[in-house]
């Protein structure tokens, strides 16, 4: 299911020197980026917990339905009529803004930032592919709730969670302070 994805080795990520002496105003952009990412992390933790409980058989379908009823992604599903809904639009918009505006502006600052932003863009492509596969796996699971389909959805989710969590941390570490320092954000 995931064998054809060219996952990248985190150890090969380029880095830039840490910026020193930033003002609170300059740090604010990186803190805002982290807040956006923390929202994604919160949703991922909630989903992981539900998947673990479902796999262990410690939550009924009714309990999971009740707990997910108030989740933003489920509300978005109801509003926008597809599994991804607004949440996928937000992730896509977030990455599109980075790719079209933030990354070129950072890349213009130095070769180091160019290498970092090229890597981040390459990681965006992997995250996007995993999102597409997660949606397909979840749609398959909804249509046919079998143990095999649950295992497939869980496999894709675990890869997505691992890749996205690593990507978000790398992005914050490498470009968070630079956004305010170079007055890009």
C-alpha atoms as a PDB file:
ATOM      1  CA  UNK A   1       0.000   0.000   0.000  1.00  0.00           C
ATOM      2  CA  UNK A   2       2.885   2.398   0.721  1.00  0.00           C
ATOM      3  CA  UNK A   3       5.788   0.641  -0.966  1.00  0.00           C
ATOM      4  CA  UNK A   4       5.790   2.990  -3.962  1.00  0.00           C
ATOM      5  CA  UNK A   5       6.168   6.186  -1.901  1.00  0.00           C
ATOM      6  CA  UNK A   6       9.721   7.521  -1.840  1.00  0.00           C
ATOM      7  CA  UNK A   7       9.929   8.408   1.849  1.00  0.00           C
ATOM      8  CA  UNK A   8      12.793  10.760   2.638  1.00  0.00           C
ATOM      9  CA  UNK A   9      15.434  10.133   5.275  1.00  0.00           C
ATOM     10  CA  UNK A  10      15.180  12.795   7.999  1.00  0.00           C
ATOM     11  CA  UNK A  11      18.954  12.567   8.497  1.00  0.00           C
ATOM     12  CA  UNK A  12      19.468  14.040   5.016  1.00  0.00           C
ATOM     13  CA  UNK A  13      17.597  17.249   5.786  1.00  0.00           C
ATOM     14  CA  UNK A  14      19.593  20.430   5.217  1.00  0.00           C
ATOM     15  CA  UNK A  15      19.790  22.898   8.090  1.00  0.00           C
ATOM     16  CA  UNK A  16      20.529  26.576   8.553  1.00  0.00           C
ATOM     17  CA  UNK A  17      22.266  28.240  11.510  1.00  0.00           C
ATOM     18  CA  UNK A  18      19.964  29.266  14.346  1.00  0.00           C
ATOM     19  CA  UNK A  19      19.159  32.972  14.307  1.00  0.00           C
ATOM     20  CA  UNK A  20      20.164  34.785  17.495  1.00  0.00           C
ATOM     21  CA  UNK A  21      19.008  37.989  19.144  1.00  0.00           C
ATOM     22  CA  UNK A  22      15.482  38.059  17.742  1.00  0.00           C
ATOM     23  CA  UNK A  23      12.948  40.481  19.164  1.00  0.00           C
ATOM     24  CA  UNK A  24       9.597  39.244  20.499  1.00  0.00           C
ATOM     25  CA  UNK A  25       7.982  40.689  17.352  1.00  0.00           C
ATOM     26  CA  UNK A  26      10.345  38.682  15.141  1.00  0.00           C
ATOM     27  CA  UNK A  27       9.666  35.495  17.126  1.00  0.00           C
ATOM     28  CA  UNK A  28       5.902  35.989  16.827  1.00  0.00           C
ATOM     29  CA  UNK A  29       5.760  34.660  13.253  1.00  0.00           C
ATOM     30  CA  UNK A  30       7.392  31.365  14.250  1.00  0.00           C
ATOM     31  CA  UNK A  31       5.111  31.094  17.268  1.00  0.00           C
ATOM     32  CA  UNK A  32       2.088  31.617  15.013  1.00  0.00           C
ATOM     33  CA  UNK A  33       3.328  28.908  12.654  1.00  0.00           C
ATOM     34  CA  UNK A  34       3.689  26.555  15.636  1.00  0.00           C
ATOM     35  CA  UNK A  35       0.123  27.358  16.781  1.00  0.00           C
ATOM     36  CA  UNK A  36      -1.200  26.385  13.344  1.00  0.00           C
ATOM     37  CA  UNK A  37       0.814  23.174  13.467  1.00  0.00           C
ATOM     38  CA  UNK A  38      -0.306  22.447  17.049  1.00  0.00           C
ATOM     39  CA  UNK A  39      -3.915  22.447  15.853  1.00  0.00           C
ATOM     40  CA  UNK A  40      -3.014  19.733  13.338  1.00  0.00           C
ATOM     41  CA  UNK A  41      -1.133  17.794  16.027  1.00  0.00           C
ATOM     42  CA  UNK A  42      -4.157  17.938  18.355  1.00  0.00           C
ATOM     43  CA  UNK A  43      -6.406  16.442  15.681  1.00  0.00           C
ATOM     44  CA  UNK A  44      -3.840  13.741  14.945  1.00  0.00           C
ATOM     45  CA  UNK A  45      -3.610  12.753  18.626  1.00  0.00           C
ATOM     46  CA  UNK A  46      -7.395  12.539  18.866  1.00  0.00           C
ATOM     47  CA  UNK A  47      -7.600  10.356  15.780  1.00  0.00           C
ATOM     48  CA  UNK A  48      -4.781   8.110  17.006  1.00  0.00           C
ATOM     49  CA  UNK A  49      -6.544   7.614  20.340  1.00  0.00           C
ATOM     50  CA  UNK A  50      -9.784   6.647  18.640  1.00  0.00           C
ATOM     51  CA  UNK A  51      -8.000   4.246  16.297  1.00  0.00           C
ATOM     52  CA  UNK A  52      -6.212   2.582  19.208  1.00  0.00           C
ATOM     53  CA  UNK A  53      -9.447   2.165  21.131  1.00  0.00           C
ATOM     54  CA  UNK A  54     -11.231   0.814  18.059  1.00  0.00           C
ATOM     55  CA  UNK A  55      -8.406  -1.658  17.364  1.00  0.00           C
ATOM     56  CA  UNK A  56      -8.373  -2.800  20.987  1.00  0.00           C
ATOM     57  CA  UNK A  57     -12.135  -3.175  21.006  1.00  0.00           C
ATOM     58  CA  UNK A  58     -12.473  -0.871  24.017  1.00  0.00           C
ATOM     59  CA  UNK A  59     -14.777   1.572  22.273  1.00  0.00           C
ATOM     60  CA  UNK A  60     -18.088   0.821  20.655  1.00  0.00           C
ATOM     61  CA  UNK A  61     -19.111   2.284  17.323  1.00  0.00           C
ATOM     62  CA  UNK A  62     -21.608   4.442  19.218  1.00  0.00           C
ATOM     63  CA  UNK A  63     -18.923   5.780  21.580  1.00  0.00           C
ATOM     64  CA  UNK A  64     -16.611   6.635  18.702  1.00  0.00           C
ATOM     65  CA  UNK A  65     -19.478   8.317  16.850  1.00  0.00           C
ATOM     66  CA  UNK A  66     -20.321  10.386  19.943  1.00  0.00           C
ATOM     67  CA  UNK A  67     -16.701  11.418  20.520  1.00  0.00           C
ATOM     68  CA  UNK A  68     -16.105  12.354  16.905  1.00  0.00           C
ATOM     69  CA  UNK A  69     -19.382  14.222  16.499  1.00  0.00           C
ATOM     70  CA  UNK A  70     -17.860  17.428  17.838  1.00  0.00           C
ATOM     71  CA  UNK A  71     -14.514  17.125  16.064  1.00  0.00           C
ATOM     72  CA  UNK A  72     -13.815  19.831  13.520  1.00  0.00           C
ATOM     73  CA  UNK A  73     -13.015  17.361  10.762  1.00  0.00           C
ATOM     74  CA  UNK A  74     -16.355  15.564  11.222  1.00  0.00           C
ATOM     75  CA  UNK A  75     -18.214  18.874  11.253  1.00  0.00           C
ATOM     76  CA  UNK A  76     -16.373  19.812   8.072  1.00  0.00           C
ATOM     77  CA  UNK A  77     -17.411  16.510   6.517  1.00  0.00           C
ATOM     78  CA  UNK A  78     -21.045  17.327   7.237  1.00  0.00           C
ATOM     79  CA  UNK A  79     -20.694  20.873   5.880  1.00  0.00           C
ATOM     80  CA  UNK A  80     -18.639  20.198   2.790  1.00  0.00           C
ATOM     81  CA  UNK A  81     -19.845  16.729   1.864  1.00  0.00           C
ATOM     82  CA  UNK A  82     -16.597  14.858   1.593  1.00  0.00           C
ATOM     83  CA  UNK A  83     -14.273  13.134   4.002  1.00  0.00           C
ATOM     84  CA  UNK A  84     -11.506  15.676   3.680  1.00  0.00           C
ATOM     85  CA  UNK A  85     -13.697  18.778   3.650  1.00  0.00           C
ATOM     86  CA  UNK A  86     -12.371  22.020   4.997  1.00  0.00           C
ATOM     87  CA  UNK A  87      -9.487  20.458   6.920  1.00  0.00           C
ATOM     88  CA  UNK A  88      -7.842  19.251   3.705  1.00  0.00           C
ATOM     89  CA  UNK A  89      -8.524  22.635   2.148  1.00  0.00           C
ATOM     90  CA  UNK A  90      -6.771  24.301   5.093  1.00  0.00           C
ATOM     91  CA  UNK A  91      -3.742  22.002   4.790  1.00  0.00           C
ATOM     92  CA  UNK A  92      -3.654  22.511   1.026  1.00  0.00           C
ATOM     93  CA  UNK A  93      -3.966  26.283   1.407  1.00  0.00           C
ATOM     94  CA  UNK A  94      -1.307  26.317   4.139  1.00  0.00           C
ATOM     95  CA  UNK A  95       1.143  24.382   1.949  1.00  0.00           C
ATOM     96  CA  UNK A  96       0.224  26.406  -1.156  1.00  0.00           C
ATOM     97  CA  UNK A  97       0.961  29.686   0.647  1.00  0.00           C
ATOM     98  CA  UNK A  98       4.259  28.304   1.871  1.00  0.00           C
ATOM     99  CA  UNK A  99       5.207  26.981  -1.573  1.00  0.00           C
ATOM    100  CA  UNK A 100       4.149  30.105  -3.486  1.00  0.00           C
ATOM    101  CA  UNK A 101       5.059  32.897  -1.075  1.00  0.00           C
ATOM    102  CA  UNK A 102       7.008  31.986   2.044  1.00  0.00           C
ATOM    103  CA  UNK A 103       9.478  29.520   0.568  1.00  0.00           C
ATOM    104  CA  UNK A 104      10.555  31.667  -2.418  1.00  0.00           C
ATOM    105  CA  UNK A 105      11.021  34.662  -0.097  1.00  0.00           C
ATOM    106  CA  UNK A 106      13.129  32.554   2.280  1.00  0.00           C
ATOM    107  CA  UNK A 107      15.069  30.896  -0.541  1.00  0.00           C
ATOM    108  CA  UNK A 108      16.118  34.350  -1.740  1.00  0.00           C
ATOM    109  CA  UNK A 109      17.854  34.979   1.610  1.00  0.00           C
ATOM    110  CA  UNK A 110      20.633  32.385   1.240  1.00  0.00           C
ATOM    111  CA  UNK A 111      21.648  29.059  -0.269  1.00  0.00           C
ATOM    112  CA  UNK A 112      20.951  27.437   3.087  1.00  0.00           C
ATOM    113  CA  UNK A 113      17.339  28.604   3.134  1.00  0.00           C
ATOM    114  CA  UNK A 114      16.982  27.612  -0.525  1.00  0.00           C
ATOM    115  CA  UNK A 115      18.047  24.045   0.307  1.00  0.00           C
ATOM    116  CA  UNK A 116      15.754  23.912   3.348  1.00  0.00           C
ATOM    117  CA  UNK A 117      12.735  25.209   1.429  1.00  0.00           C
ATOM    118  CA  UNK A 118      13.366  22.819  -1.463  1.00  0.00           C
ATOM    119  CA  UNK A 119      13.350  19.964   1.030  1.00  0.00           C
ATOM    120  CA  UNK A 120      10.171  21.247   2.680  1.00  0.00           C
ATOM    121  CA  UNK A 121       8.465  21.427  -0.726  1.00  0.00           C
ATOM    122  CA  UNK A 122       9.528  17.861  -1.499  1.00  0.00           C
ATOM    123  CA  UNK A 123       8.074  16.778   1.846  1.00  0.00           C
ATOM    124  CA  UNK A 124       4.818  18.584   0.998  1.00  0.00           C
ATOM    125  CA  UNK A 125       4.478  16.270  -2.002  1.00  0.00           C
ATOM    126  CA  UNK A 126       4.823  13.187   0.201  1.00  0.00           C
ATOM    127  CA  UNK A 127       2.324  14.570   2.751  1.00  0.00           C
ATOM    128  CA  UNK A 128      -0.097  15.295  -0.087  1.00  0.00           C
ATOM    129  CA  UNK A 129       0.222  11.745  -1.456  1.00  0.00           C
ATOM    130  CA  UNK A 130      -0.387  10.322   2.017  1.00  0.00           C
ATOM    131  CA  UNK A 131      -3.475  12.528   2.451  1.00  0.00           C
ATOM    132  CA  UNK A 132      -4.842  11.295  -0.868  1.00  0.00           C
ATOM    133  CA  UNK A 133      -4.220   7.688   0.150  1.00  0.00           C
ATOM    134  CA  UNK A 134      -5.712   8.246   3.612  1.00  0.00           C
ATOM    135  CA  UNK A 135      -8.904   9.616   2.111  1.00  0.00           C
ATOM    136  CA  UNK A 136      -9.123   6.644  -0.252  1.00  0.00           C
ATOM    137  CA  UNK A 137      -8.481   4.174   2.589  1.00  0.00           C
ATOM    138  CA  UNK A 138     -11.098   5.817   4.808  1.00  0.00           C
ATOM    139  CA  UNK A 139     -13.652   5.885   2.007  1.00  0.00           C
ATOM    140  CA  UNK A 140     -12.985   2.178   1.433  1.00  0.00           C
ATOM    141  CA  UNK A 141     -13.356   1.517   5.163  1.00  0.00           C
ATOM    142  CA  UNK A 142     -16.659   3.410   5.325  1.00  0.00           C
ATOM    143  CA  UNK A 143     -17.987   1.460   2.335  1.00  0.00           C
ATOM    144  CA  UNK A 144     -16.769  -1.894   3.678  1.00  0.00           C
ATOM    145  CA  UNK A 145     -15.864  -1.860   7.400  1.00  0.00           C
ATOM    146  CA  UNK A 146     -13.696  -4.988   7.448  1.00  0.00           C
ATOM    147  CA  UNK A 147     -10.644  -5.777   9.557  1.00  0.00           C
ATOM    148  CA  UNK A 148      -8.414  -5.650   6.458  1.00  0.00           C
ATOM    149  CA  UNK A 149      -9.757  -2.242   5.433  1.00  0.00           C
ATOM    150  CA  UNK A 150      -9.291  -0.960   8.989  1.00  0.00           C
ATOM    151  CA  UNK A 151      -5.697  -2.235   8.951  1.00  0.00           C
ATOM    152  CA  UNK A 152      -5.052  -0.507   5.611  1.00  0.00           C
ATOM    153  CA  UNK A 153      -6.493   2.791   6.867  1.00  0.00           C
ATOM    154  CA  UNK A 154      -4.438   2.504  10.032  1.00  0.00           C
ATOM    155  CA  UNK A 155      -1.231   1.756   8.099  1.00  0.00           C
ATOM    156  CA  UNK A 156      -1.659   4.859   5.954  1.00  0.00           C
ATOM    157  CA  UNK A 157      -2.605   6.969   8.974  1.00  0.00           C
ATOM    158  CA  UNK A 158       0.470   5.888  10.914  1.00  0.00           C
ATOM    159  CA  UNK A 159       2.698   6.823   7.975  1.00  0.00           C
ATOM    160  CA  UNK A 160       0.912  10.159   7.584  1.00  0.00           C
ATOM    161  CA  UNK A 161       1.170  10.895  11.296  1.00  0.00           C
ATOM    162  CA  UNK A 162       4.884  10.036  11.397  1.00  0.00           C
ATOM    163  CA  UNK A 163       5.782  12.015   8.255  1.00  0.00           C
ATOM    164  CA  UNK A 164       3.635  15.042   9.098  1.00  0.00           C
ATOM    165  CA  UNK A 165       4.794  15.264  12.722  1.00  0.00           C
ATOM    166  CA  UNK A 166       8.429  15.140  11.631  1.00  0.00           C
ATOM    167  CA  UNK A 167       7.811  17.637   8.829  1.00  0.00           C
ATOM    168  CA  UNK A 168       6.062  20.136  11.096  1.00  0.00           C
ATOM    169  CA  UNK A 169       8.859  20.045  13.654  1.00  0.00           C
ATOM    170  CA  UNK A 170      11.548  20.440  10.993  1.00  0.00           C
ATOM    171  CA  UNK A 171       9.690  23.355   9.423  1.00  0.00           C
ATOM    172  CA  UNK A 172       9.265  25.150  12.747  1.00  0.00           C
ATOM    173  CA  UNK A 173      12.893  24.617  13.683  1.00  0.00           C
ATOM    174  CA  UNK A 174      14.369  25.713  10.373  1.00  0.00           C
ATOM    175  CA  UNK A 175      12.112  28.557   9.223  1.00  0.00           C
ATOM    176  CA  UNK A 176       9.990  29.661  12.201  1.00  0.00           C
ATOM    177  CA  UNK A 177      12.307  32.408  13.431  1.00  0.00           C
ATOM    178  CA  UNK A 178      13.399  33.309   9.905  1.00  0.00           C
ATOM    179  CA  UNK A 179       9.836  34.321   8.952  1.00  0.00           C
ATOM    180  CA  UNK A 180       9.893  37.174  11.462  1.00  0.00           C
ATOM    181  CA  UNK A 181      13.590  37.934  11.119  1.00  0.00           C
ATOM    182  CA  UNK A 182      13.263  38.516   7.374  1.00  0.00           C
ATOM    183  CA  UNK A 183       9.779  40.076   7.817  1.00  0.00           C
ATOM    184  CA  UNK A 184       8.164  37.519   5.512  1.00  0.00           C
ATOM    185  CA  UNK A 185       5.162  36.374   7.537  1.00  0.00           C
END
